Every structure is written in structure tokens, then in C-alpha cells.
C-alpha atoms as a PDB file:
ATOM      1  CA  MET A   1      10.044 -72.691  11.074  1.00  0.00           C
ATOM      2  CA  ALA A   2       9.975 -69.638   8.783  1.00  0.00           C
ATOM      3  CA  VAL A   3      13.363 -67.948   8.648  1.00  0.00           C
ATOM      4  CA  PRO A   4      14.388 -65.125   6.272  1.00  0.00           C
ATOM      5  CA  LYS A   5      16.680 -66.355   3.525  1.00  0.00           C
ATOM      6  CA  ARG A   6      18.553 -63.045   3.245  1.00  0.00           C
ATOM      7  CA  LYS A   7      19.249 -60.101   5.526  1.00  0.00           C
ATOM      8  CA  THR A   8      16.825 -57.204   4.994  1.00  0.00           C
ATOM      9  CA  SER A   9      18.786 -54.282   3.525  1.00  0.00           C
ATOM     10  CA  LYS A  10      18.757 -50.848   5.162  1.00  0.00           C
ATOM     11  CA  SER A  11      16.999 -49.441   2.112  1.00  0.00           C
ATOM     12  CA  ARG A  12      14.163 -51.992   2.196  1.00  0.00           C
ATOM     13  CA  ARG A  13      13.807 -51.636   5.979  1.00  0.00           C
ATOM     14  CA  ASN A  14      13.586 -47.836   5.725  1.00  0.00           C
ATOM     15  CA  LYS A  15      11.017 -48.039   2.919  1.00  0.00           C
ATOM     16  CA  ARG A  16       8.815 -50.128   5.177  1.00  0.00           C
ATOM     17  CA  ARG A  17       9.193 -47.631   8.036  1.00  0.00           C
ATOM     18  CA  SER A  18       8.464 -44.565   5.894  1.00  0.00           C
ATOM     19  CA  HIS A  19       4.911 -44.309   7.301  1.00  0.00           C
ATOM     20  CA  HIS A  20       5.920 -44.699  10.964  1.00  0.00           C
ATOM     21  CA  ARG A  21       6.672 -41.020  11.467  1.00  0.00           C
ATOM     22  CA  VAL A  22       4.850 -38.838  13.984  1.00  0.00           C
ATOM     23  CA  LYS A  23       2.275 -36.578  12.354  1.00  0.00           C
ATOM     24  CA  ASN A  24       2.509 -32.808  12.787  1.00  0.00           C
ATOM     25  CA  VAL A  25      -0.172 -31.191  14.912  1.00  0.00           C
ATOM     26  CA  ASN A  26      -1.971 -28.353  13.133  1.00  0.00           C
ATOM     27  CA  ILE A  27      -1.719 -25.471  15.627  1.00  0.00           C
ATOM     28  CA  LEU A  28      -2.887 -22.002  14.607  1.00  0.00           C
ATOM     29  CA  GLU A  29      -2.639 -18.607  16.220  1.00  0.00           C
ATOM     30  CA  ASP A  30      -6.111 -17.083  16.603  1.00  0.00           C
ATOM     31  CA  LYS A  31      -6.432 -13.780  14.730  1.00  0.00           C
ATOM     32  CA  LYS A  32      -8.576 -12.013  17.344  1.00  0.00           C
ATOM     33  CA  THR A  33      -7.172 -13.213  20.673  1.00  0.00           C
ATOM     34  CA  GLY A  34      -3.644 -14.267  19.708  1.00  0.00           C
ATOM     35  CA  GLU A  35      -4.065 -17.587  21.525  1.00  0.00           C
ATOM     36  CA  TYR A  36      -2.861 -20.832  20.004  1.00  0.00           C
ATOM     37  CA  ARG A  37      -5.525 -23.439  19.179  1.00  0.00           C
ATOM     38  CA  LEU A  38      -6.063 -26.497  17.023  1.00  0.00           C
ATOM     39  CA  SER A  39      -7.642 -25.890  13.635  1.00  0.00           C
ATOM     40  CA  HIS A  40     -11.369 -26.743  13.430  1.00  0.00           C
ATOM     41  CA  HIS A  41     -11.702 -26.309  17.215  1.00  0.00           C
ATOM     42  CA  ILE A  42     -13.394 -23.692  19.382  1.00  0.00           C
ATOM     43  CA  ASP A  43     -11.213 -20.942  20.812  1.00  0.00           C
ATOM     44  CA  LEU A  44     -11.693 -21.558  24.545  1.00  0.00           C
ATOM     45  CA  LYS A  45     -10.677 -18.035  25.543  1.00  0.00           C
ATOM     46  CA  SER A  46     -13.313 -16.215  23.468  1.00  0.00           C
ATOM     47  CA  GLY A  47     -15.800 -19.024  22.709  1.00  0.00           C
ATOM     48  CA  PHE A  48     -15.830 -18.301  18.970  1.00  0.00           C
ATOM     49  CA  TYR A  49     -15.736 -20.835  16.144  1.00  0.00           C
ATOM     50  CA  ASN A  50     -15.748 -19.833  12.479  1.00  0.00           C
ATOM     51  CA  GLY A  51     -16.634 -16.247  13.398  1.00  0.00           C
ATOM     52  CA  LYS A  52     -19.694 -17.236  15.474  1.00  0.00           C
ATOM     53  CA  LYS A  53     -20.155 -17.180  19.255  1.00  0.00           C
ATOM     54  CA  ILE A  54     -20.546 -20.803  20.414  1.00  0.00           C
ATOM     55  CA  LEU A  55     -19.735 -20.721  24.145  1.00  0.00           C
ATOM     56  CA  ASP A  56     -20.678 -18.137  26.736  1.00  0.00           C
ATOM     57  CA  ILE A  57     -17.506 -17.547  28.729  1.00  0.00           C
END
């Protein structure tokens, strides 16, 4: 049976877990409406994306 020969140090354990963090969500405030939205997404209140009307609301 495979058993670790030595205890894993806190430093080595934390290095392994360095990528386990939760990513930040990129939320922007829309310049025209003032609503919060995700970047690269349509503003659902106005229907605009990249300065162009996409949805008729």
C-alpha cells in the first residue's frame, strides 16, 4: 500500500492549493443605463451590445 514517507509541509500543501481560489466575476456598470452587467454580454435593460441595438425590448 502506498503511504507517504514524510508529512506534507504547510508550504508545499499551500503551493499545491494556489490555483484552487474562486475566480472574480467581471461585472461592469453600463455607461448609458447605469445597470450592472457582465462584460461581453448584452445589456438586458436596453438591448444594446457594443453600441449596437441587438434586442427589441
